[in-house]
N, C-alpha and C. Protein backbone atom coordinates (compact mmCIF):
# COMPACT_ATOMS: atom_id res chain seq x y z
N MET A 1 -9.27 46.86 -29.63
CA MET A 1 -9.92 48.05 -29.11
C MET A 1 -10.63 47.71 -27.80
N ILE A 2 -10.46 48.57 -26.83
CA ILE A 2 -11.09 48.37 -25.53
C ILE A 2 -12.37 49.19 -25.48
N ALA A 3 -13.43 48.53 -25.12
CA ALA A 3 -14.71 49.22 -24.99
C ALA A 3 -15.01 49.44 -23.52
N PHE A 4 -15.38 50.66 -23.19
CA PHE A 4 -15.75 50.97 -21.82
C PHE A 4 -17.26 50.96 -21.72
N GLN A 5 -17.73 50.30 -20.72
CA GLN A 5 -19.16 50.25 -20.52
C GLN A 5 -19.60 51.55 -19.86
N SER A 6 -20.61 52.15 -20.40
CA SER A 6 -21.12 53.39 -19.85
C SER A 6 -22.05 53.08 -18.68
N VAL A 7 -21.70 53.63 -17.54
CA VAL A 7 -22.52 53.42 -16.35
C VAL A 7 -23.30 54.70 -16.08
N PRO A 8 -24.61 54.60 -15.99
CA PRO A 8 -25.39 55.81 -15.72
C PRO A 8 -25.00 56.40 -14.37
N ARG A 9 -24.90 57.72 -14.32
CA ARG A 9 -24.55 58.41 -13.09
C ARG A 9 -25.72 58.36 -12.12
N LEU A 10 -25.41 58.07 -10.87
CA LEU A 10 -26.45 58.02 -9.85
C LEU A 10 -26.99 59.42 -9.58
N PRO A 11 -28.24 59.53 -9.20
CA PRO A 11 -28.78 60.85 -8.89
C PRO A 11 -28.03 61.45 -7.69
N ARG A 12 -27.94 62.77 -7.68
CA ARG A 12 -27.23 63.46 -6.61
C ARG A 12 -27.94 63.22 -5.29
N ILE A 13 -27.16 62.83 -4.30
CA ILE A 13 -27.71 62.61 -2.96
C ILE A 13 -27.26 63.77 -2.09
N THR A 14 -28.19 64.44 -1.47
CA THR A 14 -27.86 65.57 -0.61
C THR A 14 -28.22 65.24 0.83
N THR A 15 -27.56 65.95 1.72
CA THR A 15 -27.86 65.77 3.14
C THR A 15 -28.89 66.81 3.58
N TYR A 16 -29.48 66.57 4.71
CA TYR A 16 -30.43 67.52 5.26
C TYR A 16 -29.73 68.86 5.52
N ARG A 17 -28.49 68.80 6.03
CA ARG A 17 -27.74 70.02 6.31
C ARG A 17 -27.53 70.83 5.03
N GLN A 18 -27.15 70.16 3.94
CA GLN A 18 -26.94 70.86 2.67
C GLN A 18 -28.22 71.53 2.18
N ARG A 19 -29.32 70.80 2.23
CA ARG A 19 -30.59 71.37 1.76
C ARG A 19 -31.01 72.56 2.63
N SER A 20 -30.77 72.46 3.92
CA SER A 20 -31.11 73.55 4.83
C SER A 20 -30.26 74.79 4.56
N ILE A 21 -28.97 74.60 4.38
CA ILE A 21 -28.08 75.72 4.07
C ILE A 21 -28.48 76.35 2.74
N ARG A 22 -28.78 75.51 1.77
CA ARG A 22 -29.16 76.00 0.43
C ARG A 22 -30.41 76.86 0.50
N ARG A 23 -31.40 76.43 1.28
CA ARG A 23 -32.63 77.22 1.43
C ARG A 23 -32.32 78.57 2.08
N ARG A 24 -31.51 78.57 3.14
CA ARG A 24 -31.20 79.82 3.84
C ARG A 24 -30.28 80.72 3.02
N ALA A 25 -29.41 80.14 2.19
CA ALA A 25 -28.46 80.92 1.40
C ALA A 25 -29.13 81.67 0.26
N GLN A 26 -30.34 81.31 -0.11
CA GLN A 26 -31.04 81.96 -1.21
C GLN A 26 -31.21 83.45 -0.98
N ARG A 27 -31.31 83.86 0.26
CA ARG A 27 -31.55 85.27 0.54
C ARG A 27 -30.28 86.11 0.59
N TYR A 28 -29.11 85.48 0.47
CA TYR A 28 -27.83 86.18 0.53
C TYR A 28 -27.25 86.37 -0.86
N SER A 29 -26.31 87.33 -0.94
CA SER A 29 -25.51 87.45 -2.16
C SER A 29 -24.59 86.23 -2.21
N LEU A 30 -23.96 85.98 -3.36
CA LEU A 30 -23.09 84.82 -3.49
C LEU A 30 -21.96 84.85 -2.46
N LYS A 31 -21.34 86.00 -2.29
CA LYS A 31 -20.23 86.12 -1.32
C LYS A 31 -20.72 85.78 0.09
N GLN A 32 -21.83 86.36 0.50
CA GLN A 32 -22.37 86.09 1.83
C GLN A 32 -22.80 84.63 1.96
N ALA A 33 -23.36 84.07 0.91
CA ALA A 33 -23.81 82.68 0.94
C ALA A 33 -22.63 81.72 1.11
N VAL A 34 -21.53 81.97 0.41
CA VAL A 34 -20.35 81.12 0.55
C VAL A 34 -19.84 81.18 1.98
N ARG A 35 -19.72 82.37 2.51
CA ARG A 35 -19.21 82.52 3.88
C ARG A 35 -20.15 81.87 4.90
N PHE A 36 -21.43 82.04 4.70
CA PHE A 36 -22.41 81.39 5.58
C PHE A 36 -22.28 79.87 5.52
N ALA A 37 -22.19 79.33 4.32
CA ALA A 37 -22.08 77.88 4.15
C ALA A 37 -20.81 77.33 4.80
N VAL A 38 -19.70 78.03 4.61
CA VAL A 38 -18.44 77.57 5.22
C VAL A 38 -18.53 77.64 6.73
N ASP A 39 -19.12 78.72 7.25
CA ASP A 39 -19.27 78.83 8.71
C ASP A 39 -20.07 77.67 9.27
N VAL A 40 -21.14 77.30 8.60
CA VAL A 40 -21.98 76.19 9.08
C VAL A 40 -21.26 74.85 8.92
N CYS A 41 -20.62 74.64 7.78
CA CYS A 41 -20.01 73.34 7.49
C CYS A 41 -18.74 73.08 8.30
N PHE A 42 -17.96 74.11 8.58
CA PHE A 42 -16.67 73.89 9.23
C PHE A 42 -16.57 74.45 10.65
N ARG A 43 -17.25 75.55 10.94
CA ARG A 43 -17.18 76.20 12.26
C ARG A 43 -15.72 76.33 12.73
N PHE A 44 -14.93 77.11 12.02
CA PHE A 44 -13.54 77.32 12.40
C PHE A 44 -13.48 78.11 13.70
N SER A 45 -12.65 77.65 14.64
CA SER A 45 -12.59 78.32 15.93
C SER A 45 -11.20 78.82 16.29
N GLY A 46 -10.18 78.43 15.57
CA GLY A 46 -8.84 78.89 15.90
C GLY A 46 -7.86 78.57 14.79
N ARG A 47 -6.72 79.23 14.86
CA ARG A 47 -5.66 78.97 13.88
C ARG A 47 -4.47 78.36 14.59
N ALA A 48 -3.70 77.59 13.86
CA ALA A 48 -2.51 76.96 14.43
C ALA A 48 -1.44 78.02 14.64
N VAL A 49 -0.54 77.75 15.57
CA VAL A 49 0.50 78.70 15.91
C VAL A 49 1.66 78.67 14.92
N GLN A 50 2.13 77.49 14.56
CA GLN A 50 3.35 77.39 13.76
C GLN A 50 3.11 77.06 12.29
N VAL A 51 1.93 76.68 11.92
CA VAL A 51 1.62 76.36 10.52
C VAL A 51 0.33 77.08 10.13
N LYS A 52 0.07 77.16 8.82
CA LYS A 52 -1.16 77.80 8.35
C LYS A 52 -2.26 76.76 8.28
N ALA A 53 -2.96 76.64 9.39
CA ALA A 53 -4.06 75.68 9.48
C ALA A 53 -5.13 76.25 10.40
N LEU A 54 -6.37 75.82 10.16
CA LEU A 54 -7.49 76.25 10.98
C LEU A 54 -8.13 75.03 11.63
N TRP A 55 -8.63 75.20 12.86
CA TRP A 55 -9.29 74.12 13.56
C TRP A 55 -10.77 74.14 13.24
N SER A 56 -11.29 73.02 12.72
CA SER A 56 -12.70 72.89 12.39
C SER A 56 -13.41 72.17 13.53
N GLU A 57 -14.33 72.86 14.17
CA GLU A 57 -15.12 72.24 15.25
C GLU A 57 -16.03 71.15 14.71
N THR A 58 -16.57 71.36 13.51
CA THR A 58 -17.48 70.38 12.92
C THR A 58 -16.76 69.09 12.56
N GLU A 59 -15.63 69.22 11.90
CA GLU A 59 -14.89 68.03 11.44
C GLU A 59 -13.89 67.52 12.48
N ARG A 60 -13.64 68.34 13.52
CA ARG A 60 -12.71 67.97 14.60
C ARG A 60 -11.32 67.64 14.07
N VAL A 61 -10.78 68.56 13.21
CA VAL A 61 -9.48 68.35 12.60
C VAL A 61 -8.87 69.69 12.22
N TRP A 62 -7.53 69.73 12.20
CA TRP A 62 -6.82 70.88 11.65
C TRP A 62 -6.84 70.76 10.13
N LEU A 63 -7.19 71.84 9.45
CA LEU A 63 -7.22 71.82 7.99
C LEU A 63 -6.25 72.84 7.42
N GLY A 64 -5.42 72.40 6.49
CA GLY A 64 -4.60 73.30 5.71
C GLY A 64 -5.44 73.83 4.56
N SER A 65 -4.92 74.81 3.85
CA SER A 65 -5.72 75.45 2.79
C SER A 65 -6.08 74.49 1.66
N LYS A 66 -5.16 73.61 1.27
CA LYS A 66 -5.45 72.68 0.18
C LYS A 66 -6.59 71.73 0.54
N THR A 67 -6.54 71.17 1.72
CA THR A 67 -7.60 70.26 2.16
C THR A 67 -8.92 71.01 2.29
N PHE A 68 -8.87 72.22 2.85
CA PHE A 68 -10.08 73.03 2.98
C PHE A 68 -10.74 73.25 1.61
N LEU A 69 -9.92 73.63 0.62
CA LEU A 69 -10.47 73.88 -0.71
C LEU A 69 -10.98 72.60 -1.35
N ASP A 70 -10.23 71.51 -1.22
CA ASP A 70 -10.67 70.23 -1.79
C ASP A 70 -11.99 69.78 -1.17
N TRP A 71 -12.08 69.83 0.14
CA TRP A 71 -13.31 69.40 0.81
C TRP A 71 -14.47 70.30 0.45
N SER A 72 -14.24 71.60 0.43
CA SER A 72 -15.31 72.55 0.13
C SER A 72 -15.85 72.38 -1.28
N MET A 73 -14.97 72.07 -2.22
CA MET A 73 -15.38 71.99 -3.62
C MET A 73 -15.82 70.60 -4.06
N TRP A 74 -15.29 69.54 -3.46
CA TRP A 74 -15.49 68.20 -4.03
C TRP A 74 -16.13 67.18 -3.11
N ILE A 75 -16.05 67.32 -1.80
CA ILE A 75 -16.64 66.31 -0.92
C ILE A 75 -18.16 66.39 -1.03
N GLU A 76 -18.77 65.27 -1.30
CA GLU A 76 -20.21 65.25 -1.61
C GLU A 76 -21.08 65.79 -0.49
N ASN A 77 -20.74 65.54 0.77
CA ASN A 77 -21.62 66.00 1.85
C ASN A 77 -21.33 67.45 2.27
N ILE A 78 -20.38 68.12 1.59
CA ILE A 78 -20.14 69.55 1.82
C ILE A 78 -20.52 70.32 0.55
N ASP A 79 -19.80 70.15 -0.55
CA ASP A 79 -20.10 70.68 -1.88
C ASP A 79 -20.67 72.11 -1.85
N ILE A 80 -19.83 73.06 -1.43
CA ILE A 80 -20.24 74.46 -1.32
C ILE A 80 -20.81 75.01 -2.64
N PRO A 81 -20.23 74.71 -3.81
CA PRO A 81 -20.84 75.26 -5.03
C PRO A 81 -22.31 74.86 -5.21
N TRP A 82 -22.65 73.62 -4.92
CA TRP A 82 -24.05 73.22 -5.05
C TRP A 82 -24.91 73.94 -4.02
N VAL A 83 -24.40 74.07 -2.82
CA VAL A 83 -25.16 74.68 -1.72
C VAL A 83 -25.51 76.14 -2.03
N VAL A 84 -24.59 76.86 -2.67
CA VAL A 84 -24.82 78.29 -2.90
C VAL A 84 -25.32 78.60 -4.31
N ALA A 85 -25.61 77.59 -5.09
CA ALA A 85 -26.01 77.79 -6.49
C ALA A 85 -27.28 78.62 -6.64
N THR A 86 -28.12 78.67 -5.62
CA THR A 86 -29.37 79.42 -5.72
C THR A 86 -29.28 80.78 -5.04
N ALA A 87 -28.10 81.18 -4.60
CA ALA A 87 -27.92 82.48 -3.96
C ALA A 87 -28.17 83.60 -4.96
N ALA A 88 -28.50 84.77 -4.44
CA ALA A 88 -28.75 85.92 -5.31
C ALA A 88 -27.47 86.27 -6.07
N GLY A 89 -27.59 86.40 -7.37
CA GLY A 89 -26.45 86.77 -8.20
C GLY A 89 -25.51 85.63 -8.55
N ALA A 90 -25.87 84.41 -8.20
CA ALA A 90 -25.02 83.26 -8.54
C ALA A 90 -25.11 82.99 -10.04
N PRO A 91 -23.97 82.76 -10.71
CA PRO A 91 -24.01 82.46 -12.15
C PRO A 91 -24.73 81.15 -12.43
N LYS A 92 -25.40 81.08 -13.54
CA LYS A 92 -26.10 79.85 -13.93
C LYS A 92 -25.13 78.81 -14.51
N ASP A 93 -24.04 79.27 -15.10
CA ASP A 93 -23.03 78.38 -15.66
C ASP A 93 -22.25 77.71 -14.53
N ALA A 94 -22.21 76.38 -14.52
CA ALA A 94 -21.57 75.64 -13.43
C ALA A 94 -20.08 75.94 -13.31
N ALA A 95 -19.38 76.05 -14.43
CA ALA A 95 -17.94 76.32 -14.38
C ALA A 95 -17.66 77.71 -13.81
N GLN A 96 -18.44 78.68 -14.22
CA GLN A 96 -18.27 80.03 -13.72
C GLN A 96 -18.61 80.10 -12.23
N LEU A 97 -19.67 79.40 -11.82
CA LEU A 97 -20.04 79.35 -10.42
C LEU A 97 -18.91 78.77 -9.58
N ARG A 98 -18.34 77.64 -10.03
CA ARG A 98 -17.25 77.01 -9.29
C ARG A 98 -16.05 77.95 -9.18
N GLN A 99 -15.77 78.70 -10.25
CA GLN A 99 -14.64 79.64 -10.23
C GLN A 99 -14.89 80.76 -9.22
N GLU A 100 -16.08 81.32 -9.21
CA GLU A 100 -16.39 82.40 -8.28
C GLU A 100 -16.40 81.91 -6.84
N VAL A 101 -16.89 80.70 -6.62
CA VAL A 101 -16.88 80.12 -5.27
C VAL A 101 -15.44 79.90 -4.82
N LEU A 102 -14.60 79.41 -5.69
CA LEU A 102 -13.19 79.18 -5.36
C LEU A 102 -12.49 80.48 -4.96
N VAL A 103 -12.75 81.55 -5.68
CA VAL A 103 -12.18 82.86 -5.34
C VAL A 103 -12.64 83.27 -3.94
N GLU A 104 -13.93 83.10 -3.66
CA GLU A 104 -14.45 83.50 -2.35
C GLU A 104 -13.92 82.61 -1.23
N LEU A 105 -13.74 81.31 -1.50
CA LEU A 105 -13.17 80.42 -0.49
C LEU A 105 -11.74 80.83 -0.14
N ASN A 106 -10.95 81.20 -1.14
CA ASN A 106 -9.60 81.67 -0.88
C ASN A 106 -9.60 82.95 -0.04
N SER A 107 -10.50 83.86 -0.36
CA SER A 107 -10.63 85.09 0.41
C SER A 107 -11.03 84.79 1.85
N TYR A 108 -11.98 83.89 2.01
CA TYR A 108 -12.44 83.50 3.34
C TYR A 108 -11.28 82.92 4.15
N TRP A 109 -10.50 82.03 3.53
CA TRP A 109 -9.37 81.38 4.20
C TRP A 109 -8.37 82.42 4.70
N THR A 110 -8.01 83.36 3.83
CA THR A 110 -7.06 84.40 4.20
C THR A 110 -7.58 85.23 5.36
N ASN A 111 -8.85 85.58 5.30
CA ASN A 111 -9.46 86.36 6.37
C ASN A 111 -9.46 85.61 7.70
N ARG A 112 -9.83 84.35 7.69
CA ARG A 112 -9.88 83.55 8.92
C ARG A 112 -8.49 83.39 9.54
N LEU A 113 -7.45 83.23 8.71
CA LEU A 113 -6.09 83.13 9.23
C LEU A 113 -5.68 84.40 9.95
N ALA A 114 -6.18 85.53 9.48
CA ALA A 114 -5.81 86.82 10.06
C ALA A 114 -6.57 87.14 11.34
N VAL A 115 -7.80 86.69 11.46
CA VAL A 115 -8.63 87.17 12.58
C VAL A 115 -8.87 86.15 13.69
N LEU A 116 -8.76 84.87 13.42
CA LEU A 116 -9.05 83.88 14.47
C LEU A 116 -7.94 83.86 15.51
N PRO A 117 -8.29 83.60 16.76
CA PRO A 117 -7.26 83.52 17.80
C PRO A 117 -6.43 82.26 17.62
N SER A 118 -5.18 82.33 18.07
CA SER A 118 -4.32 81.15 17.97
C SER A 118 -4.80 80.10 18.96
N LYS A 119 -4.62 78.86 18.57
CA LYS A 119 -5.09 77.74 19.39
C LYS A 119 -3.97 76.71 19.39
N GLU A 120 -3.41 76.46 20.55
CA GLU A 120 -2.27 75.55 20.61
C GLU A 120 -2.67 74.11 20.84
N ARG A 121 -3.82 73.85 21.42
CA ARG A 121 -4.21 72.47 21.69
C ARG A 121 -5.54 72.19 21.02
N PRO A 122 -5.76 71.02 20.55
CA PRO A 122 -4.85 69.89 20.50
C PRO A 122 -3.73 70.16 19.51
N ASN A 123 -2.61 69.56 19.71
CA ASN A 123 -1.41 69.84 18.94
C ASN A 123 -1.19 68.82 17.85
N TRP A 124 -2.23 68.53 17.04
CA TRP A 124 -2.12 67.57 15.96
C TRP A 124 -1.62 68.27 14.72
N LEU A 125 -0.98 67.52 13.86
CA LEU A 125 -0.54 68.08 12.58
C LEU A 125 -1.75 68.29 11.68
N PRO A 126 -1.75 69.37 10.89
CA PRO A 126 -2.88 69.60 9.99
C PRO A 126 -2.86 68.66 8.80
N LEU A 127 -4.03 68.44 8.24
CA LEU A 127 -4.10 67.76 6.96
C LEU A 127 -3.57 68.73 5.93
N PRO A 128 -2.87 68.28 4.90
CA PRO A 128 -2.23 69.19 3.93
C PRO A 128 -3.22 70.11 3.24
């Protein structure tokens, strides 16, 4: 039998930017808070011409929808669900919160693809 040693989880480390967004997001509804947090974290300025990708001024990279969702939900220094957890009307249940945030992130992505101007340069391939 293999025994796994239990390692205590380290306390959550947040960035100044995350704490600042979280404080400001408290006054918004969950939908508005998610959109505000994404705007601050990614600052999308254009969409790719031939593929479905958005240019992030903050990260300085083309992002496809999968990478955008992965980074928004799981990257520790972004973590949109944690940032918007104190927004007005946010569910207290973590799983439900993550589900509602995911729905709003998908809606945000679709909207940005439709309204942002096309941007041809730099002509790098997007992250998947």
